[in-house]
Amino acid sequence: VWHYYGRIMAAKNANISTSAATLS
């Protein structure tokens, strides 16, 4: 799952909403 976790964190750092990052 760590590749997914890394993408969520990177998306959040780019001002992507948590829900959108997780859903993606």
mmCIF file of all heavy atoms, coordinates in Angstrom:
data_MODEL
# 
_entry.id   MODEL 
# 
loop_
_atom_site.group_PDB 
_atom_site.id 
_atom_site.type_symbol 
_atom_site.label_atom_id 
_atom_site.label_alt_id 
_atom_site.label_comp_id 
_atom_site.label_asym_id 
_atom_site.label_entity_id 
_atom_site.label_seq_id 
_atom_site.pdbx_PDB_ins_code 
_atom_site.Cartn_x 
_atom_site.Cartn_y 
_atom_site.Cartn_z 
_atom_site.occupancy 
_atom_site.B_iso_or_equiv 
_atom_site.pdbx_formal_charge 
_atom_site.auth_seq_id 
_atom_site.auth_comp_id 
_atom_site.auth_asym_id 
_atom_site.auth_atom_id 
_atom_site.pdbx_PDB_model_num 
ATOM 1   N N   . VAL A 1 1  ? 0.817   -1.218 0.000  1.00 0.00 ? 1  VAL A N   1 
ATOM 2   C CA  . VAL A 1 1  ? 0.000   0.000  0.000  1.00 0.00 ? 1  VAL A CA  1 
ATOM 3   C C   . VAL A 1 1  ? 0.847   1.263  0.000  1.00 0.00 ? 1  VAL A C   1 
ATOM 4   O O   . VAL A 1 1  ? 0.312   2.369  -0.149 1.00 0.00 ? 1  VAL A O   1 
ATOM 5   C CB  . VAL A 1 1  ? -0.951  0.055  1.224  1.00 0.00 ? 1  VAL A CB  1 
ATOM 6   C CG1 . VAL A 1 1  ? -1.943  -1.089 1.194  1.00 0.00 ? 1  VAL A CG1 1 
ATOM 7   C CG2 . VAL A 1 1  ? -0.161  0.049  2.523  1.00 0.00 ? 1  VAL A CG2 1 
ATOM 8   N N   . TRP A 1 2  ? 2.163   1.127  0.135  1.00 0.00 ? 2  TRP A N   1 
ATOM 9   C CA  . TRP A 1 2  ? 2.988   2.318  0.365  1.00 0.00 ? 2  TRP A CA  1 
ATOM 10  C C   . TRP A 1 2  ? 3.130   3.195  -0.866 1.00 0.00 ? 2  TRP A C   1 
ATOM 11  O O   . TRP A 1 2  ? 3.362   4.406  -0.735 1.00 0.00 ? 2  TRP A O   1 
ATOM 12  C CB  . TRP A 1 2  ? 4.351   1.892  0.910  1.00 0.00 ? 2  TRP A CB  1 
ATOM 13  C CG  . TRP A 1 2  ? 4.196   1.197  2.231  1.00 0.00 ? 2  TRP A CG  1 
ATOM 14  C CD1 . TRP A 1 2  ? 4.343   -0.133 2.496  1.00 0.00 ? 2  TRP A CD1 1 
ATOM 15  C CD2 . TRP A 1 2  ? 3.784   1.801  3.467  1.00 0.00 ? 2  TRP A CD2 1 
ATOM 16  N NE1 . TRP A 1 2  ? 4.066   -0.406 3.814  1.00 0.00 ? 2  TRP A NE1 1 
ATOM 17  C CE2 . TRP A 1 2  ? 3.722   0.769  4.432  1.00 0.00 ? 2  TRP A CE2 1 
ATOM 18  C CE3 . TRP A 1 2  ? 3.468   3.102  3.858  1.00 0.00 ? 2  TRP A CE3 1 
ATOM 19  C CZ2 . TRP A 1 2  ? 3.360   1.004  5.758  1.00 0.00 ? 2  TRP A CZ2 1 
ATOM 20  C CZ3 . TRP A 1 2  ? 3.112   3.327  5.174  1.00 0.00 ? 2  TRP A CZ3 1 
ATOM 21  C CH2 . TRP A 1 2  ? 3.057   2.291  6.104  1.00 0.00 ? 2  TRP A CH2 1 
ATOM 22  N N   . HIS A 1 3  ? 2.985   2.625  -2.057 1.00 0.00 ? 3  HIS A N   1 
ATOM 23  C CA  . HIS A 1 3  ? 2.996   3.468  -3.256 1.00 0.00 ? 3  HIS A CA  1 
ATOM 24  C C   . HIS A 1 3  ? 1.736   4.333  -3.296 1.00 0.00 ? 3  HIS A C   1 
ATOM 25  O O   . HIS A 1 3  ? 1.792   5.498  -3.707 1.00 0.00 ? 3  HIS A O   1 
ATOM 26  C CB  . HIS A 1 3  ? 3.133   2.637  -4.528 1.00 0.00 ? 3  HIS A CB  1 
ATOM 27  C CG  . HIS A 1 3  ? 2.171   1.506  -4.667 1.00 0.00 ? 3  HIS A CG  1 
ATOM 28  N ND1 . HIS A 1 3  ? 1.907   0.604  -3.658 1.00 0.00 ? 3  HIS A ND1 1 
ATOM 29  C CD2 . HIS A 1 3  ? 1.395   1.110  -5.721 1.00 0.00 ? 3  HIS A CD2 1 
ATOM 30  C CE1 . HIS A 1 3  ? 1.028   -0.288 -4.074 1.00 0.00 ? 3  HIS A CE1 1 
ATOM 31  N NE2 . HIS A 1 3  ? 0.693   0.002  -5.317 1.00 0.00 ? 3  HIS A NE2 1 
ATOM 32  N N   . TYR A 1 4  ? 0.605   3.779  -2.827 1.00 0.00 ? 4  TYR A N   1 
ATOM 33  C CA  . TYR A 1 4  ? -0.619  4.577  -2.752 1.00 0.00 ? 4  TYR A CA  1 
ATOM 34  C C   . TYR A 1 4  ? -0.487  5.677  -1.697 1.00 0.00 ? 4  TYR A C   1 
ATOM 35  O O   . TYR A 1 4  ? -0.870  6.831  -1.931 1.00 0.00 ? 4  TYR A O   1 
ATOM 36  C CB  . TYR A 1 4  ? -1.814  3.686  -2.409 1.00 0.00 ? 4  TYR A CB  1 
ATOM 37  C CG  . TYR A 1 4  ? -2.089  2.592  -3.411 1.00 0.00 ? 4  TYR A CG  1 
ATOM 38  C CD1 . TYR A 1 4  ? -2.270  1.273  -2.997 1.00 0.00 ? 4  TYR A CD1 1 
ATOM 39  C CD2 . TYR A 1 4  ? -2.188  2.878  -4.765 1.00 0.00 ? 4  TYR A CD2 1 
ATOM 40  C CE1 . TYR A 1 4  ? -2.532  0.265  -3.915 1.00 0.00 ? 4  TYR A CE1 1 
ATOM 41  C CE2 . TYR A 1 4  ? -2.451  1.872  -5.682 1.00 0.00 ? 4  TYR A CE2 1 
ATOM 42  C CZ  . TYR A 1 4  ? -2.613  0.569  -5.249 1.00 0.00 ? 4  TYR A CZ  1 
ATOM 43  O OH  . TYR A 1 4  ? -2.873  -0.421 -6.165 1.00 0.00 ? 4  TYR A OH  1 
ATOM 44  N N   . TYR A 1 5  ? 0.066   5.317  -0.561 1.00 0.00 ? 5  TYR A N   1 
ATOM 45  C CA  . TYR A 1 5  ? 0.248   6.303  0.518  1.00 0.00 ? 5  TYR A CA  1 
ATOM 46  C C   . TYR A 1 5  ? 1.153   7.447  0.057  1.00 0.00 ? 5  TYR A C   1 
ATOM 47  O O   . TYR A 1 5  ? 0.864   8.617  0.315  1.00 0.00 ? 5  TYR A O   1 
ATOM 48  C CB  . TYR A 1 5  ? 0.836   5.606  1.745  1.00 0.00 ? 5  TYR A CB  1 
ATOM 49  C CG  . TYR A 1 5  ? 1.097   6.537  2.909  1.00 0.00 ? 5  TYR A CG  1 
ATOM 50  C CD1 . TYR A 1 5  ? 0.045   7.045  3.662  1.00 0.00 ? 5  TYR A CD1 1 
ATOM 51  C CD2 . TYR A 1 5  ? 2.395   6.909  3.247  1.00 0.00 ? 5  TYR A CD2 1 
ATOM 52  C CE1 . TYR A 1 5  ? 0.278   7.898  4.732  1.00 0.00 ? 5  TYR A CE1 1 
ATOM 53  C CE2 . TYR A 1 5  ? 2.637   7.767  4.305  1.00 0.00 ? 5  TYR A CE2 1 
ATOM 54  C CZ  . TYR A 1 5  ? 1.577   8.255  5.053  1.00 0.00 ? 5  TYR A CZ  1 
ATOM 55  O OH  . TYR A 1 5  ? 1.812   9.102  6.103  1.00 0.00 ? 5  TYR A OH  1 
ATOM 56  N N   . GLY A 1 6  ? 2.246   7.105  -0.644 1.00 0.00 ? 6  GLY A N   1 
ATOM 57  C CA  . GLY A 1 6  ? 3.143   8.141  -1.138 1.00 0.00 ? 6  GLY A CA  1 
ATOM 58  C C   . GLY A 1 6  ? 2.466   9.079  -2.127 1.00 0.00 ? 6  GLY A C   1 
ATOM 59  O O   . GLY A 1 6  ? 2.707   10.297 -2.114 1.00 0.00 ? 6  GLY A O   1 
ATOM 60  N N   . ARG A 1 7  ? 1.593   8.548  -2.958 1.00 0.00 ? 7  ARG A N   1 
ATOM 61  C CA  . ARG A 1 7  ? 0.884   9.384  -3.932 1.00 0.00 ? 7  ARG A CA  1 
ATOM 62  C C   . ARG A 1 7  ? -0.132  10.291 -3.247 1.00 0.00 ? 7  ARG A C   1 
ATOM 63  O O   . ARG A 1 7  ? -0.314  11.449 -3.632 1.00 0.00 ? 7  ARG A O   1 
ATOM 64  C CB  . ARG A 1 7  ? 0.200   8.499  -4.977 1.00 0.00 ? 7  ARG A CB  1 
ATOM 65  C CG  . ARG A 1 7  ? 1.183   7.839  -5.919 1.00 0.00 ? 7  ARG A CG  1 
ATOM 66  C CD  . ARG A 1 7  ? 0.571   6.713  -6.720 1.00 0.00 ? 7  ARG A CD  1 
ATOM 67  N NE  . ARG A 1 7  ? 1.628   5.896  -7.306 1.00 0.00 ? 7  ARG A NE  1 
ATOM 68  C CZ  . ARG A 1 7  ? 1.435   4.695  -7.844 1.00 0.00 ? 7  ARG A CZ  1 
ATOM 69  N NH1 . ARG A 1 7  ? 0.212   4.172  -7.877 1.00 0.00 ? 7  ARG A NH1 1 
ATOM 70  N NH2 . ARG A 1 7  ? 2.443   4.025  -8.354 1.00 0.00 ? 7  ARG A NH2 1 
ATOM 71  N N   . ILE A 1 8  ? -0.806  9.762  -2.223 1.00 0.00 ? 8  ILE A N   1 
ATOM 72  C CA  . ILE A 1 8  ? -1.755  10.599 -1.485 1.00 0.00 ? 8  ILE A CA  1 
ATOM 73  C C   . ILE A 1 8  ? -1.035  11.756 -0.813 1.00 0.00 ? 8  ILE A C   1 
ATOM 74  O O   . ILE A 1 8  ? -1.474  12.908 -0.879 1.00 0.00 ? 8  ILE A O   1 
ATOM 75  C CB  . ILE A 1 8  ? -2.522  9.750  -0.448 1.00 0.00 ? 8  ILE A CB  1 
ATOM 76  C CG1 . ILE A 1 8  ? -3.459  8.772  -1.137 1.00 0.00 ? 8  ILE A CG1 1 
ATOM 77  C CG2 . ILE A 1 8  ? -3.318  10.659 0.500  1.00 0.00 ? 8  ILE A CG2 1 
ATOM 78  C CD1 . ILE A 1 8  ? -4.135  7.788  -0.186 1.00 0.00 ? 8  ILE A CD1 1 
ATOM 79  N N   . MET A 1 9  ? 0.099   11.475 -0.173 1.00 0.00 ? 9  MET A N   1 
ATOM 80  C CA  . MET A 1 9  ? 0.857   12.530 0.506  1.00 0.00 ? 9  MET A CA  1 
ATOM 81  C C   . MET A 1 9  ? 1.368   13.572 -0.489 1.00 0.00 ? 9  MET A C   1 
ATOM 82  O O   . MET A 1 9  ? 1.309   14.774 -0.228 1.00 0.00 ? 9  MET A O   1 
ATOM 83  C CB  . MET A 1 9  ? 2.031   11.916 1.271  1.00 0.00 ? 9  MET A CB  1 
ATOM 84  C CG  . MET A 1 9  ? 1.634   11.047 2.462  1.00 0.00 ? 9  MET A CG  1 
ATOM 85  S SD  . MET A 1 9  ? 0.738   11.982 3.744  1.00 0.00 ? 9  MET A SD  1 
ATOM 86  C CE  . MET A 1 9  ? -0.954  11.477 3.411  1.00 0.00 ? 9  MET A CE  1 
ATOM 87  N N   . ALA A 1 10 ? 1.868   13.106 -1.646 1.00 0.00 ? 10 ALA A N   1 
ATOM 88  C CA  . ALA A 1 10 ? 2.373   14.045 -2.657 1.00 0.00 ? 10 ALA A CA  1 
ATOM 89  C C   . ALA A 1 10 ? 1.235   14.895 -3.218 1.00 0.00 ? 10 ALA A C   1 
ATOM 90  O O   . ALA A 1 10 ? 1.412   16.108 -3.455 1.00 0.00 ? 10 ALA A O   1 
ATOM 91  C CB  . ALA A 1 10 ? 3.053   13.271 -3.783 1.00 0.00 ? 10 ALA A CB  1 
ATOM 92  N N   . ALA A 1 11 ? 0.071   14.286 -3.421 1.00 0.00 ? 11 ALA A N   1 
ATOM 93  C CA  . ALA A 1 11 ? -1.071  15.049 -3.928 1.00 0.00 ? 11 ALA A CA  1 
ATOM 94  C C   . ALA A 1 11 ? -1.540  16.086 -2.911 1.00 0.00 ? 11 ALA A C   1 
ATOM 95  O O   . ALA A 1 11 ? -1.856  17.228 -3.272 1.00 0.00 ? 11 ALA A O   1 
ATOM 96  C CB  . ALA A 1 11 ? -2.210  14.090 -4.278 1.00 0.00 ? 11 ALA A CB  1 
ATOM 97  N N   . LYS A 1 12 ? -1.574  15.696 -1.644 1.00 0.00 ? 12 LYS A N   1 
ATOM 98  C CA  . LYS A 1 12 ? -1.975  16.649 -0.598 1.00 0.00 ? 12 LYS A CA  1 
ATOM 99  C C   . LYS A 1 12 ? -0.983  17.812 -0.521 1.00 0.00 ? 12 LYS A C   1 
ATOM 100 O O   . LYS A 1 12 ? -1.379  18.964 -0.331 1.00 0.00 ? 12 LYS A O   1 
ATOM 101 C CB  . LYS A 1 12 ? -2.059  15.939 0.748  1.00 0.00 ? 12 LYS A CB  1 
ATOM 102 C CG  . LYS A 1 12 ? -3.265  15.005 0.876  1.00 0.00 ? 12 LYS A CG  1 
ATOM 103 C CD  . LYS A 1 12 ? -3.237  14.222 2.171  1.00 0.00 ? 12 LYS A CD  1 
ATOM 104 C CE  . LYS A 1 12 ? -3.357  15.132 3.375  1.00 0.00 ? 12 LYS A CE  1 
ATOM 105 N NZ  . LYS A 1 12 ? -3.390  14.360 4.637  1.00 0.00 ? 12 LYS A NZ  1 
ATOM 106 N N   . ASN A 1 13 ? 0.312   17.530 -0.684 1.00 0.00 ? 13 ASN A N   1 
ATOM 107 C CA  . ASN A 1 13 ? 1.326   18.596 -0.670 1.00 0.00 ? 13 ASN A CA  1 
ATOM 108 C C   . ASN A 1 13 ? 1.186   19.534 -1.858 1.00 0.00 ? 13 ASN A C   1 
ATOM 109 O O   . ASN A 1 13 ? 1.686   20.663 -1.823 1.00 0.00 ? 13 ASN A O   1 
ATOM 110 C CB  . ASN A 1 13 ? 2.729   17.996 -0.652 1.00 0.00 ? 13 ASN A CB  1 
ATOM 111 C CG  . ASN A 1 13 ? 3.047   17.289 0.653  1.00 0.00 ? 13 ASN A CG  1 
ATOM 112 O OD1 . ASN A 1 13 ? 2.458   17.599 1.692  1.00 0.00 ? 13 ASN A OD1 1 
ATOM 113 N ND2 . ASN A 1 13 ? 3.968   16.337 0.611  1.00 0.00 ? 13 ASN A ND2 1 
ATOM 114 N N   . ALA A 1 14 ? 0.511   19.052 -2.919 1.00 0.00 ? 14 ALA A N   1 
ATOM 115 C CA  . ALA A 1 14 ? 0.261   19.885 -4.092 1.00 0.00 ? 14 ALA A CA  1 
ATOM 116 C C   . ALA A 1 14 ? -1.119  20.528 -4.028 1.00 0.00 ? 14 ALA A C   1 
ATOM 117 O O   . ALA A 1 14 ? -1.664  20.949 -5.056 1.00 0.00 ? 14 ALA A O   1 
ATOM 118 C CB  . ALA A 1 14 ? 0.393   19.046 -5.360 1.00 0.00 ? 14 ALA A CB  1 
ATOM 119 N N   . ASN A 1 15 ? -1.683  20.593 -2.828 1.00 0.00 ? 15 ASN A N   1 
ATOM 120 C CA  . ASN A 1 15 ? -2.974  21.248 -2.579 1.00 0.00 ? 15 ASN A CA  1 
ATOM 121 C C   . ASN A 1 15 ? -4.160  20.526 -3.209 1.00 0.00 ? 15 ASN A C   1 
ATOM 122 O O   . ASN A 1 15 ? -5.183  21.150 -3.520 1.00 0.00 ? 15 ASN A O   1 
ATOM 123 C CB  . ASN A 1 15 ? -2.947  22.713 -3.059 1.00 0.00 ? 15 ASN A CB  1 
ATOM 124 C CG  . ASN A 1 15 ? -1.926  23.542 -2.306 1.00 0.00 ? 15 ASN A CG  1 
ATOM 125 O OD1 . ASN A 1 15 ? -1.783  23.410 -1.087 1.00 0.00 ? 15 ASN A OD1 1 
ATOM 126 N ND2 . ASN A 1 15 ? -1.201  24.389 -3.034 1.00 0.00 ? 15 ASN A ND2 1 
ATOM 127 N N   . ILE A 1 16 ? -4.013  19.222 -3.384 1.00 0.00 ? 16 ILE A N   1 
ATOM 128 C CA  . ILE A 1 16 ? -5.144  18.397 -3.800 1.00 0.00 ? 16 ILE A CA  1 
ATOM 129 C C   . ILE A 1 16 ? -5.906  17.996 -2.537 1.00 0.00 ? 16 ILE A C   1 
ATOM 130 O O   . ILE A 1 16 ? -5.311  17.667 -1.511 1.00 0.00 ? 16 ILE A O   1 
ATOM 131 C CB  . ILE A 1 16 ? -4.669  17.137 -4.540 1.00 0.00 ? 16 ILE A CB  1 
ATOM 132 C CG1 . ILE A 1 16 ? -3.862  17.522 -5.789 1.00 0.00 ? 16 ILE A CG1 1 
ATOM 133 C CG2 . ILE A 1 16 ? -5.836  16.233 -4.901 1.00 0.00 ? 16 ILE A CG2 1 
ATOM 134 C CD1 . ILE A 1 16 ? -4.633  18.242 -6.841 1.00 0.00 ? 16 ILE A CD1 1 
ATOM 135 N N   . SER A 1 17 ? -7.218  18.033 -2.597 1.00 0.00 ? 17 SER A N   1 
ATOM 136 C CA  . SER A 1 17 ? -8.016  17.693 -1.424 1.00 0.00 ? 17 SER A CA  1 
ATOM 137 C C   . SER A 1 17 ? -7.778  16.241 -1.014 1.00 0.00 ? 17 SER A C   1 
ATOM 138 O O   . SER A 1 17 ? -7.482  15.385 -1.844 1.00 0.00 ? 17 SER A O   1 
ATOM 139 C CB  . SER A 1 17 ? -9.504  17.911 -1.706 1.00 0.00 ? 17 SER A CB  1 
ATOM 140 O OG  . SER A 1 17 ? -9.991  16.956 -2.631 1.00 0.00 ? 17 SER A OG  1 
ATOM 141 N N   . THR A 1 18 ? -7.905  15.985 0.282  1.00 0.00 ? 18 THR A N   1 
ATOM 142 C CA  . THR A 1 18 ? -7.675  14.634 0.796  1.00 0.00 ? 18 THR A CA  1 
ATOM 143 C C   . THR A 1 18 ? -8.616  13.623 0.156  1.00 0.00 ? 18 THR A C   1 
ATOM 144 O O   . THR A 1 18 ? -8.212  12.510 -0.208 1.00 0.00 ? 18 THR A O   1 
ATOM 145 C CB  . THR A 1 18 ? -7.861  14.608 2.323  1.00 0.00 ? 18 THR A CB  1 
ATOM 146 O OG1 . THR A 1 18 ? -6.950  15.531 2.917  1.00 0.00 ? 18 THR A OG1 1 
ATOM 147 C CG2 . THR A 1 18 ? -7.612  13.218 2.881  1.00 0.00 ? 18 THR A CG2 1 
ATOM 148 N N   . SER A 1 19 ? -9.877  14.005 0.007  1.00 0.00 ? 19 SER A N   1 
ATOM 149 C CA  . SER A 1 19 ? -10.853 13.075 -0.566 1.00 0.00 ? 19 SER A CA  1 
ATOM 150 C C   . SER A 1 19 ? -10.524 12.749 -2.013 1.00 0.00 ? 19 SER A C   1 
ATOM 151 O O   . SER A 1 19 ? -10.592 11.587 -2.436 1.00 0.00 ? 19 SER A O   1 
ATOM 152 C CB  . SER A 1 19 ? -12.266 13.654 -0.467 1.00 0.00 ? 19 SER A CB  1 
ATOM 153 O OG  . SER A 1 19 ? -12.346 14.888 -1.142 1.00 0.00 ? 19 SER A OG  1 
ATOM 154 N N   . ALA A 1 20 ? -10.124 13.762 -2.794 1.00 0.00 ? 20 ALA A N   1 
ATOM 155 C CA  . ALA A 1 20 ? -9.789  13.526 -4.200 1.00 0.00 ? 20 ALA A CA  1 
ATOM 156 C C   . ALA A 1 20 ? -8.525  12.697 -4.331 1.00 0.00 ? 20 ALA A C   1 
ATOM 157 O O   . ALA A 1 20 ? -8.449  11.788 -5.171 1.00 0.00 ? 20 ALA A O   1 
ATOM 158 C CB  . ALA A 1 20 ? -9.627  14.856 -4.931 1.00 0.00 ? 20 ALA A CB  1 
ATOM 159 N N   . ALA A 1 21 ? -7.512  12.982 -3.514 1.00 0.00 ? 21 ALA A N   1 
ATOM 160 C CA  . ALA A 1 21 ? -6.265  12.213 -3.558 1.00 0.00 ? 21 ALA A CA  1 
ATOM 161 C C   . ALA A 1 21 ? -6.521  10.751 -3.210 1.00 0.00 ? 21 ALA A C   1 
ATOM 162 O O   . ALA A 1 21 ? -6.032  9.837  -3.882 1.00 0.00 ? 21 ALA A O   1 
ATOM 163 C CB  . ALA A 1 21 ? -5.244  12.826 -2.601 1.00 0.00 ? 21 ALA A CB  1 
ATOM 164 N N   . THR A 1 22 ? -7.302  10.530 -2.158 1.00 0.00 ? 22 THR A N   1 
ATOM 165 C CA  . THR A 1 22 ? -7.604  9.164  -1.734 1.00 0.00 ? 22 THR A CA  1 
ATOM 166 C C   . THR A 1 22 ? -8.430  8.435  -2.782 1.00 0.00 ? 22 THR A C   1 
ATOM 167 O O   . THR A 1 22 ? -8.154  7.273  -3.117 1.00 0.00 ? 22 THR A O   1 
ATOM 168 C CB  . THR A 1 22 ? -8.362  9.178  -0.395 1.00 0.00 ? 22 THR A CB  1 
ATOM 169 O OG1 . THR A 1 22 ? -7.600  9.892  0.573  1.00 0.00 ? 22 THR A OG1 1 
ATOM 170 C CG2 . THR A 1 22 ? -8.611  7.766  0.105  1.00 0.00 ? 22 THR A CG2 1 
ATOM 171 N N   . LEU A 1 23 ? -9.441  9.110  -3.293 1.00 0.00 ? 23 LEU A N   1 
ATOM 172 C CA  . LEU A 1 23 ? -10.302 8.495  -4.294 1.00 0.00 ? 23 LEU A CA  1 
ATOM 173 C C   . LEU A 1 23 ? -9.515  8.134  -5.551 1.00 0.00 ? 23 LEU A C   1 
ATOM 174 O O   . LEU A 1 23 ? -9.714  7.066  -6.141 1.00 0.00 ? 23 LEU A O   1 
ATOM 175 C CB  . LEU A 1 23 ? -11.455 9.437  -4.646 1.00 0.00 ? 23 LEU A CB  1 
ATOM 176 C CG  . LEU A 1 23 ? -12.453 8.952  -5.711 1.00 0.00 ? 23 LEU A CG  1 
ATOM 177 C CD1 . LEU A 1 23 ? -13.035 7.608  -5.312 1.00 0.00 ? 23 LEU A CD1 1 
ATOM 178 C CD2 . LEU A 1 23 ? -13.553 9.988  -5.901 1.00 0.00 ? 23 LEU A CD2 1 
ATOM 179 N N   . SER A 1 24 ? -8.570  8.984  -5.940 1.00 0.00 ? 24 SER A N   1 
ATOM 180 C CA  . SER A 1 24 ? -7.815  8.734  -7.168 1.00 0.00 ? 24 SER A CA  1 
ATOM 181 C C   . SER A 1 24 ? -6.970  7.471  -7.066 1.00 0.00 ? 24 SER A C   1 
ATOM 182 O O   . SER A 1 24 ? -6.895  6.689  -8.020 1.00 0.00 ? 24 SER A O   1 
ATOM 183 C CB  . SER A 1 24 ? -6.921  9.939  -7.500 1.00 0.00 ? 24 SER A CB  1 
ATOM 184 O OG  . SER A 1 24 ? -5.852  10.071 -6.573 1.00 0.00 ? 24 SER A OG  1 
# 
